Amino acid sequence: RDCPRLLGAVHGEHRGNRTPAAEANFAADPEAAQAVLTAGFRSVILADLGATHQTDMDVLRRACVEELPESGVARLVYDVTQAFIDCYVRTFKQTHAPAHDVARDRARSGRDLC
């Protein structure tokens, strides 16, 4: 069976982003999280908040445009993610926006997304 890669863990010094012990995806639908974690997969990889907070959405999106300067998709991603960055920085009073789902998806693909 496939090895699912999920964003959903809280480990170490990082607290949950919904409760002290819960990441938003798991808090929003704990039954779905339990179903995946107990479905009998050979293994499940969880991208926790500690890992995803080490990624910076702005750094990743700039790298995509630099690597693929003629790509309309890279440019679209760059433009769309600006709204996420602005919202995250404004809402959470952070200096950068972590690339939560991008970090998980990079683990899923085993390669860079650009």
C-alpha atoms as a PDB file:
ATOM      1  CA  ARG A   1       0.000   0.000   0.000  1.00  0.00           C
ATOM      2  CA  ASP A   2       1.044   3.580  -0.504  1.00  0.00           C
ATOM      3  CA  CYS A   3       2.804   5.383   2.308  1.00  0.00           C
ATOM      4  CA  PRO A   4       0.712   8.475   3.074  1.00  0.00           C
ATOM      5  CA  ARG A   5       2.480  11.674   4.076  1.00  0.00           C
ATOM      6  CA  LEU A   6       0.412  13.941   6.260  1.00  0.00           C
ATOM      7  CA  LEU A   7       0.655  17.358   7.794  1.00  0.00           C
ATOM      8  CA  GLY A   8      -0.704  16.880  11.244  1.00  0.00           C
ATOM      9  CA  ALA A   9       1.777  16.146  13.960  1.00  0.00           C
ATOM     10  CA  VAL A  10       2.875  18.206  16.910  1.00  0.00           C
ATOM     11  CA  HIS A  11       6.204  17.242  18.392  1.00  0.00           C
ATOM     12  CA  GLY A  12       8.836  18.729  20.642  1.00  0.00           C
ATOM     13  CA  GLU A  13       8.904  22.428  21.390  1.00  0.00           C
ATOM     14  CA  HIS A  14       6.234  23.441  18.874  1.00  0.00           C
ATOM     15  CA  ARG A  15       2.730  23.573  20.232  1.00  0.00           C
ATOM     16  CA  GLY A  16      -0.311  22.844  18.150  1.00  0.00           C
ATOM     17  CA  ASN A  17      -1.770  25.615  16.055  1.00  0.00           C
ATOM     18  CA  ARG A  18      -5.337  24.880  17.213  1.00  0.00           C
ATOM     19  CA  THR A  19      -4.825  23.612  20.764  1.00  0.00           C
ATOM     20  CA  PRO A  20      -1.600  22.997  22.717  1.00  0.00           C
ATOM     21  CA  ALA A  21      -1.597  19.397  21.466  1.00  0.00           C
ATOM     22  CA  ALA A  22      -3.439  19.575  18.132  1.00  0.00           C
ATOM     23  CA  GLU A  23      -2.454  20.642  14.657  1.00  0.00           C
ATOM     24  CA  ALA A  24      -5.281  22.197  12.618  1.00  0.00           C
ATOM     25  CA  ASN A  25      -5.887  19.262  10.243  1.00  0.00           C
ATOM     26  CA  PHE A  26      -6.106  16.706  13.041  1.00  0.00           C
ATOM     27  CA  ALA A  27      -8.188  19.035  15.227  1.00  0.00           C
ATOM     28  CA  ALA A  28     -10.642  19.737  12.393  1.00  0.00           C
ATOM     29  CA  ASP A  29     -11.330  16.067  11.686  1.00  0.00           C
ATOM     30  CA  PRO A  30      -9.895  13.736  14.319  1.00  0.00           C
ATOM     31  CA  GLU A  31     -11.959  10.809  13.017  1.00  0.00           C
ATOM     32  CA  ALA A  32     -10.372  11.116   9.581  1.00  0.00           C
ATOM     33  CA  ALA A  33      -6.915  11.357  11.145  1.00  0.00           C
ATOM     34  CA  GLN A  34      -7.568   8.228  13.192  1.00  0.00           C
ATOM     35  CA  ALA A  35      -8.887   6.409  10.124  1.00  0.00           C
ATOM     36  CA  VAL A  36      -5.696   7.132   8.174  1.00  0.00           C
ATOM     37  CA  LEU A  37      -3.379   6.329  11.070  1.00  0.00           C
ATOM     38  CA  THR A  38      -5.085   2.987  11.745  1.00  0.00           C
ATOM     39  CA  ALA A  39      -5.791   1.977   8.126  1.00  0.00           C
ATOM     40  CA  GLY A  40      -3.012  -0.599   8.009  1.00  0.00           C
ATOM     41  CA  PHE A  41      -0.482   1.284   5.907  1.00  0.00           C
ATOM     42  CA  ARG A  42       3.028  -0.154   6.108  1.00  0.00           C
ATOM     43  CA  SER A  43       4.119   3.264   7.379  1.00  0.00           C
ATOM     44  CA  VAL A  44       2.801   6.797   7.658  1.00  0.00           C
ATOM     45  CA  ILE A  45       5.013   9.876   7.518  1.00  0.00           C
ATOM     46  CA  LEU A  46       3.853  12.899   9.510  1.00  0.00           C
ATOM     47  CA  ALA A  47       5.234  16.335   8.703  1.00  0.00           C
ATOM     48  CA  ASP A  48       5.034  18.052  12.045  1.00  0.00           C
ATOM     49  CA  LEU A  49       4.821  21.750  12.765  1.00  0.00           C
ATOM     50  CA  GLY A  50       8.439  21.786  13.916  1.00  0.00           C
ATOM     51  CA  ALA A  51       9.557  20.701  10.451  1.00  0.00           C
ATOM     52  CA  THR A  52       7.180  22.898   8.522  1.00  0.00           C
ATOM     53  CA  HIS A  53       8.043  26.002  10.558  1.00  0.00           C
ATOM     54  CA  GLN A  54      11.595  25.621   9.257  1.00  0.00           C
ATOM     55  CA  THR A  55      10.373  26.300   5.734  1.00  0.00           C
ATOM     56  CA  ASP A  56       9.737  29.814   4.496  1.00  0.00           C
ATOM     57  CA  MET A  57       7.065  30.188   1.823  1.00  0.00           C
ATOM     58  CA  ASP A  58       8.725  33.292   0.374  1.00  0.00           C
ATOM     59  CA  VAL A  59      12.113  31.593   0.004  1.00  0.00           C
ATOM     60  CA  LEU A  60      10.550  28.598  -1.743  1.00  0.00           C
ATOM     61  CA  ARG A  61       8.436  30.629  -4.133  1.00  0.00           C
ATOM     62  CA  ARG A  62      11.371  32.869  -5.094  1.00  0.00           C
ATOM     63  CA  ALA A  63      13.457  29.768  -5.789  1.00  0.00           C
ATOM     64  CA  CYS A  64      10.750  28.418  -8.104  1.00  0.00           C
ATOM     65  CA  VAL A  65      10.655  31.605 -10.173  1.00  0.00           C
ATOM     66  CA  GLU A  66      14.466  31.805 -10.290  1.00  0.00           C
ATOM     67  CA  GLU A  67      14.722  28.166 -11.361  1.00  0.00           C
ATOM     68  CA  LEU A  68      11.926  28.414 -13.931  1.00  0.00           C
ATOM     69  CA  PRO A  69      11.789  32.081 -14.968  1.00  0.00           C
ATOM     70  CA  GLU A  70       9.653  31.407 -18.043  1.00  0.00           C
ATOM     71  CA  SER A  71       7.141  29.185 -16.276  1.00  0.00           C
ATOM     72  CA  GLY A  72       3.645  30.576 -16.048  1.00  0.00           C
ATOM     73  CA  VAL A  73       2.862  28.077 -13.296  1.00  0.00           C
ATOM     74  CA  ALA A  74       5.823  29.224 -11.180  1.00  0.00           C
ATOM     75  CA  ARG A  75       4.716  32.834 -11.645  1.00  0.00           C
ATOM     76  CA  LEU A  76       1.110  31.991 -10.743  1.00  0.00           C
ATOM     77  CA  VAL A  77       2.221  30.180  -7.588  1.00  0.00           C
ATOM     78  CA  TYR A  78       4.437  33.144  -6.716  1.00  0.00           C
ATOM     79  CA  ASP A  79       1.562  35.595  -7.095  1.00  0.00           C
ATOM     80  CA  VAL A  80      -1.081  33.495  -5.331  1.00  0.00           C
ATOM     81  CA  THR A  81       1.119  32.689  -2.355  1.00  0.00           C
ATOM     82  CA  GLN A  82       1.612  36.389  -1.653  1.00  0.00           C
ATOM     83  CA  ALA A  83      -1.950  36.517  -0.290  1.00  0.00           C
ATOM     84  CA  PHE A  84      -1.180  33.585   2.030  1.00  0.00           C
ATOM     85  CA  ILE A  85       2.043  35.190   3.213  1.00  0.00           C
ATOM     86  CA  ASP A  86       0.349  38.534   3.875  1.00  0.00           C
ATOM     87  CA  CYS A  87      -2.490  36.872   5.793  1.00  0.00           C
ATOM     88  CA  TYR A  88      -0.209  34.641   7.843  1.00  0.00           C
ATOM     89  CA  VAL A  89       2.176  37.435   8.797  1.00  0.00           C
ATOM     90  CA  ARG A  90      -0.699  39.761   9.683  1.00  0.00           C
ATOM     91  CA  THR A  91      -2.748  37.159  11.580  1.00  0.00           C
ATOM     92  CA  PHE A  92       0.005  35.405  13.510  1.00  0.00           C
ATOM     93  CA  LYS A  93       2.391  38.369  13.843  1.00  0.00           C
ATOM     94  CA  GLN A  94       5.242  36.298  12.423  1.00  0.00           C
ATOM     95  CA  THR A  95       8.195  37.444  10.344  1.00  0.00           C
ATOM     96  CA  HIS A  96       7.546  34.798   7.689  1.00  0.00           C
ATOM     97  CA  ALA A  97       4.915  32.311   6.579  1.00  0.00           C
ATOM     98  CA  PRO A  98       5.814  28.647   6.975  1.00  0.00           C
ATOM     99  CA  ALA A  99       5.224  26.476   3.945  1.00  0.00           C
ATOM    100  CA  HIS A 100       3.224  23.821   5.814  1.00  0.00           C
ATOM    101  CA  ASP A 101       1.597  21.994   2.910  1.00  0.00           C
ATOM    102  CA  VAL A 102       4.566  22.528   0.611  1.00  0.00           C
ATOM    103  CA  ALA A 103       6.855  20.786   3.099  1.00  0.00           C
ATOM    104  CA  ARG A 104       4.451  17.859   3.265  1.00  0.00           C
ATOM    105  CA  ASP A 105       4.115  17.709  -0.514  1.00  0.00           C
ATOM    106  CA  ARG A 106       7.876  17.790  -1.004  1.00  0.00           C
ATOM    107  CA  ALA A 107       8.085  14.747   1.258  1.00  0.00           C
ATOM    108  CA  ARG A 108       5.316  13.097  -0.759  1.00  0.00           C
ATOM    109  CA  SER A 109       6.976  13.655  -4.127  1.00  0.00           C
ATOM    110  CA  GLY A 110      10.514  12.983  -2.973  1.00  0.00           C
ATOM    111  CA  ARG A 111      11.654  15.940  -5.055  1.00  0.00           C
ATOM    112  CA  ASP A 112      11.419  19.673  -5.319  1.00  0.00           C
ATOM    113  CA  LEU A 113       8.073  20.994  -6.492  1.00  0.00           C
ATOM    114  CA  CYS A 114       9.403  23.378  -9.147  1.00  0.00           C
END
